[in-house]
Amino acid sequence: MQENDFVERAIKMRHSGKSVNPNFGAYWQKSITENLILEFIEKKESKIDVYKQTSVPPQWLVLIIGSNGQSSFEVNTLFKVAIKTKFDKVFLYEDFDNKLYELK
């Protein structure tokens, strides 16, 4: 594992499924929206109590977007998202451009 200044330890958890929000336009990336970000935070928020039982705090949420497939998204404009969540920090990682945004 490569050393970095952000993550000291990561835990891999089993998940029951994957969630995909497809973009059926050709091969361009659709812009991520504030509402879509809040929707996915809300989905994970319902599971935070289970996460806290299986690992130690702090609890961070990293939403990953990007790649180069039809279901990819990108950040075209920087916006401030008003987030009310039990997660200690929330990040949005755009993997194709290797950009990390701290949302909370």
C-alpha atoms as a PDB file:
ATOM      1  CA  MET A   1       0.000   0.000   0.000  1.00  0.00           C
ATOM      2  CA  GLN A   2       1.333   3.418  -0.924  1.00  0.00           C
ATOM      3  CA  GLU A   3       1.821   5.870   1.959  1.00  0.00           C
ATOM      4  CA  ASN A   4      -0.151   9.126   1.889  1.00  0.00           C
ATOM      5  CA  ASP A   5      -1.049  12.088   4.098  1.00  0.00           C
ATOM      6  CA  PHE A   6      -4.801  11.399   4.250  1.00  0.00           C
ATOM      7  CA  VAL A   7      -5.576   7.781   5.113  1.00  0.00           C
ATOM      8  CA  GLU A   8      -3.945   5.979   8.016  1.00  0.00           C
ATOM      9  CA  ARG A   9      -6.036   2.827   7.811  1.00  0.00           C
ATOM     10  CA  ALA A  10      -8.744   1.443   5.515  1.00  0.00           C
ATOM     11  CA  ILE A  11     -11.199  -1.370   6.192  1.00  0.00           C
ATOM     12  CA  LYS A  12     -12.797  -3.444   3.460  1.00  0.00           C
ATOM     13  CA  MET A  13     -16.437  -4.300   4.099  1.00  0.00           C
ATOM     14  CA  ARG A  14     -18.741  -6.715   2.310  1.00  0.00           C
ATOM     15  CA  HIS A  15     -21.554  -5.094   0.372  1.00  0.00           C
ATOM     16  CA  SER A  16     -24.832  -6.562  -0.805  1.00  0.00           C
ATOM     17  CA  GLY A  17     -24.758  -4.903  -4.203  1.00  0.00           C
ATOM     18  CA  LYS A  18     -23.550  -2.116  -6.416  1.00  0.00           C
ATOM     19  CA  SER A  19     -25.410   1.011  -7.395  1.00  0.00           C
ATOM     20  CA  VAL A  20     -25.061   2.427 -10.900  1.00  0.00           C
ATOM     21  CA  ASN A  21     -26.635   5.609 -12.207  1.00  0.00           C
ATOM     22  CA  PRO A  22     -26.282   5.229 -15.978  1.00  0.00           C
ATOM     23  CA  ASN A  23     -25.680   7.976 -18.490  1.00  0.00           C
ATOM     24  CA  PHE A  24     -26.947   6.676 -21.829  1.00  0.00           C
ATOM     25  CA  GLY A  25     -25.416   9.525 -23.814  1.00  0.00           C
ATOM     26  CA  ALA A  26     -22.517   8.472 -26.046  1.00  0.00           C
ATOM     27  CA  TYR A  27     -19.163   8.411 -24.261  1.00  0.00           C
ATOM     28  CA  TRP A  28     -19.080  11.815 -22.642  1.00  0.00           C
ATOM     29  CA  GLN A  29     -19.371  12.297 -18.945  1.00  0.00           C
ATOM     30  CA  LYS A  30     -22.473  13.770 -17.412  1.00  0.00           C
ATOM     31  CA  SER A  31     -21.954  16.426 -14.733  1.00  0.00           C
ATOM     32  CA  ILE A  32     -22.598  15.369 -11.163  1.00  0.00           C
ATOM     33  CA  THR A  33     -25.314  17.373  -9.426  1.00  0.00           C
ATOM     34  CA  GLU A  34     -25.805  18.459  -5.839  1.00  0.00           C
ATOM     35  CA  ASN A  35     -29.052  16.466  -5.653  1.00  0.00           C
ATOM     36  CA  LEU A  36     -27.363  13.275  -6.832  1.00  0.00           C
ATOM     37  CA  ILE A  37     -24.595  13.683  -4.262  1.00  0.00           C
ATOM     38  CA  LEU A  38     -27.132  14.223  -1.481  1.00  0.00           C
ATOM     39  CA  GLU A  39     -29.119  11.179  -2.645  1.00  0.00           C
ATOM     40  CA  PHE A  40     -26.110   8.878  -2.360  1.00  0.00           C
ATOM     41  CA  ILE A  41     -25.062  10.339   1.002  1.00  0.00           C
ATOM     42  CA  GLU A  42     -28.582   9.664   2.272  1.00  0.00           C
ATOM     43  CA  LYS A  43     -28.374   6.019   1.126  1.00  0.00           C
ATOM     44  CA  LYS A  44     -25.125   5.509   3.043  1.00  0.00           C
ATOM     45  CA  GLU A  45     -26.404   7.487   6.035  1.00  0.00           C
ATOM     46  CA  SER A  46     -28.947   4.736   6.714  1.00  0.00           C
ATOM     47  CA  LYS A  47     -26.060   2.278   7.218  1.00  0.00           C
ATOM     48  CA  ILE A  48     -23.745   4.363   9.410  1.00  0.00           C
ATOM     49  CA  ASP A  49     -24.840   2.739  12.671  1.00  0.00           C
ATOM     50  CA  VAL A  50     -23.755  -0.654  11.286  1.00  0.00           C
ATOM     51  CA  TYR A  51     -20.450   0.852  10.137  1.00  0.00           C
ATOM     52  CA  LYS A  52     -19.824   2.241  13.630  1.00  0.00           C
ATOM     53  CA  GLN A  53     -20.389  -1.199  15.166  1.00  0.00           C
ATOM     54  CA  THR A  54     -17.814  -2.861  12.896  1.00  0.00           C
ATOM     55  CA  SER A  55     -15.043  -0.252  12.884  1.00  0.00           C
ATOM     56  CA  VAL A  56     -13.634   2.563  14.947  1.00  0.00           C
ATOM     57  CA  PRO A  57     -14.277   6.278  14.415  1.00  0.00           C
ATOM     58  CA  PRO A  58     -13.849   8.570  12.618  1.00  0.00           C
ATOM     59  CA  GLN A  59     -16.286   7.556   9.886  1.00  0.00           C
ATOM     60  CA  TRP A  60     -15.519   9.007   6.469  1.00  0.00           C
ATOM     61  CA  LEU A  61     -17.580   8.588   3.318  1.00  0.00           C
ATOM     62  CA  VAL A  62     -15.846   8.655  -0.069  1.00  0.00           C
ATOM     63  CA  LEU A  63     -18.087   8.882  -3.134  1.00  0.00           C
ATOM     64  CA  ILE A  64     -16.220   7.847  -6.292  1.00  0.00           C
ATOM     65  CA  ILE A  65     -17.184   9.171  -9.706  1.00  0.00           C
ATOM     66  CA  GLY A  66     -15.395   9.314 -13.020  1.00  0.00           C
ATOM     67  CA  SER A  67     -13.817   6.516 -14.983  1.00  0.00           C
ATOM     68  CA  ASN A  68     -14.425   6.420 -18.710  1.00  0.00           C
ATOM     69  CA  GLY A  69     -17.556   4.299 -19.107  1.00  0.00           C
ATOM     70  CA  GLN A  70     -21.135   5.231 -19.867  1.00  0.00           C
ATOM     71  CA  SER A  71     -22.034   5.481 -16.177  1.00  0.00           C
ATOM     72  CA  SER A  72     -19.359   8.055 -15.376  1.00  0.00           C
ATOM     73  CA  PHE A  73     -19.763  11.556 -13.996  1.00  0.00           C
ATOM     74  CA  GLU A  74     -17.485  14.561 -13.673  1.00  0.00           C
ATOM     75  CA  VAL A  75     -17.356  17.768 -11.659  1.00  0.00           C
ATOM     76  CA  ASN A  76     -17.810  20.682 -14.054  1.00  0.00           C
ATOM     77  CA  THR A  77     -18.552  23.376 -11.495  1.00  0.00           C
ATOM     78  CA  LEU A  78     -17.523  23.632  -7.894  1.00  0.00           C
ATOM     79  CA  PHE A  79     -20.513  23.970  -5.633  1.00  0.00           C
ATOM     80  CA  LYS A  80     -21.007  23.975  -1.905  1.00  0.00           C
ATOM     81  CA  VAL A  81     -23.224  21.144  -0.767  1.00  0.00           C
ATOM     82  CA  ALA A  82     -25.064  21.668   2.524  1.00  0.00           C
ATOM     83  CA  ILE A  83     -24.555  18.270   4.127  1.00  0.00           C
ATOM     84  CA  LYS A  84     -26.158  17.136   7.356  1.00  0.00           C
ATOM     85  CA  THR A  85     -24.787  13.696   8.096  1.00  0.00           C
ATOM     86  CA  LYS A  86     -23.370  11.544  10.894  1.00  0.00           C
ATOM     87  CA  PHE A  87     -20.223  10.946   8.821  1.00  0.00           C
ATOM     88  CA  ASP A  88     -17.248  12.857  10.181  1.00  0.00           C
ATOM     89  CA  LYS A  89     -16.028  13.733   6.698  1.00  0.00           C
ATOM     90  CA  VAL A  90     -17.428  13.345   3.190  1.00  0.00           C
ATOM     91  CA  PHE A  91     -15.260  13.321   0.069  1.00  0.00           C
ATOM     92  CA  LEU A  92     -16.022  13.212  -3.636  1.00  0.00           C
ATOM     93  CA  TYR A  93     -13.257  11.520  -5.636  1.00  0.00           C
ATOM     94  CA  GLU A  94     -13.180  11.999  -9.397  1.00  0.00           C
ATOM     95  CA  ASP A  95     -10.976   9.048 -10.314  1.00  0.00           C
ATOM     96  CA  PHE A  96     -10.511   9.757 -14.014  1.00  0.00           C
ATOM     97  CA  ASP A  97      -8.990  13.191 -13.296  1.00  0.00           C
ATOM     98  CA  ASN A  98      -7.519  12.110  -9.933  1.00  0.00           C
ATOM     99  CA  LYS A  99      -9.222  14.962  -8.040  1.00  0.00           C
ATOM    100  CA  LEU A 100     -10.452  14.785  -4.467  1.00  0.00           C
ATOM    101  CA  TYR A 101     -13.044  17.245  -3.140  1.00  0.00           C
ATOM    102  CA  GLU A 102     -13.774  17.565   0.561  1.00  0.00           C
ATOM    103  CA  LEU A 103     -17.516  18.203   0.902  1.00  0.00           C
ATOM    104  CA  LYS A 104     -17.675  18.067   4.693  1.00  0.00           C
END
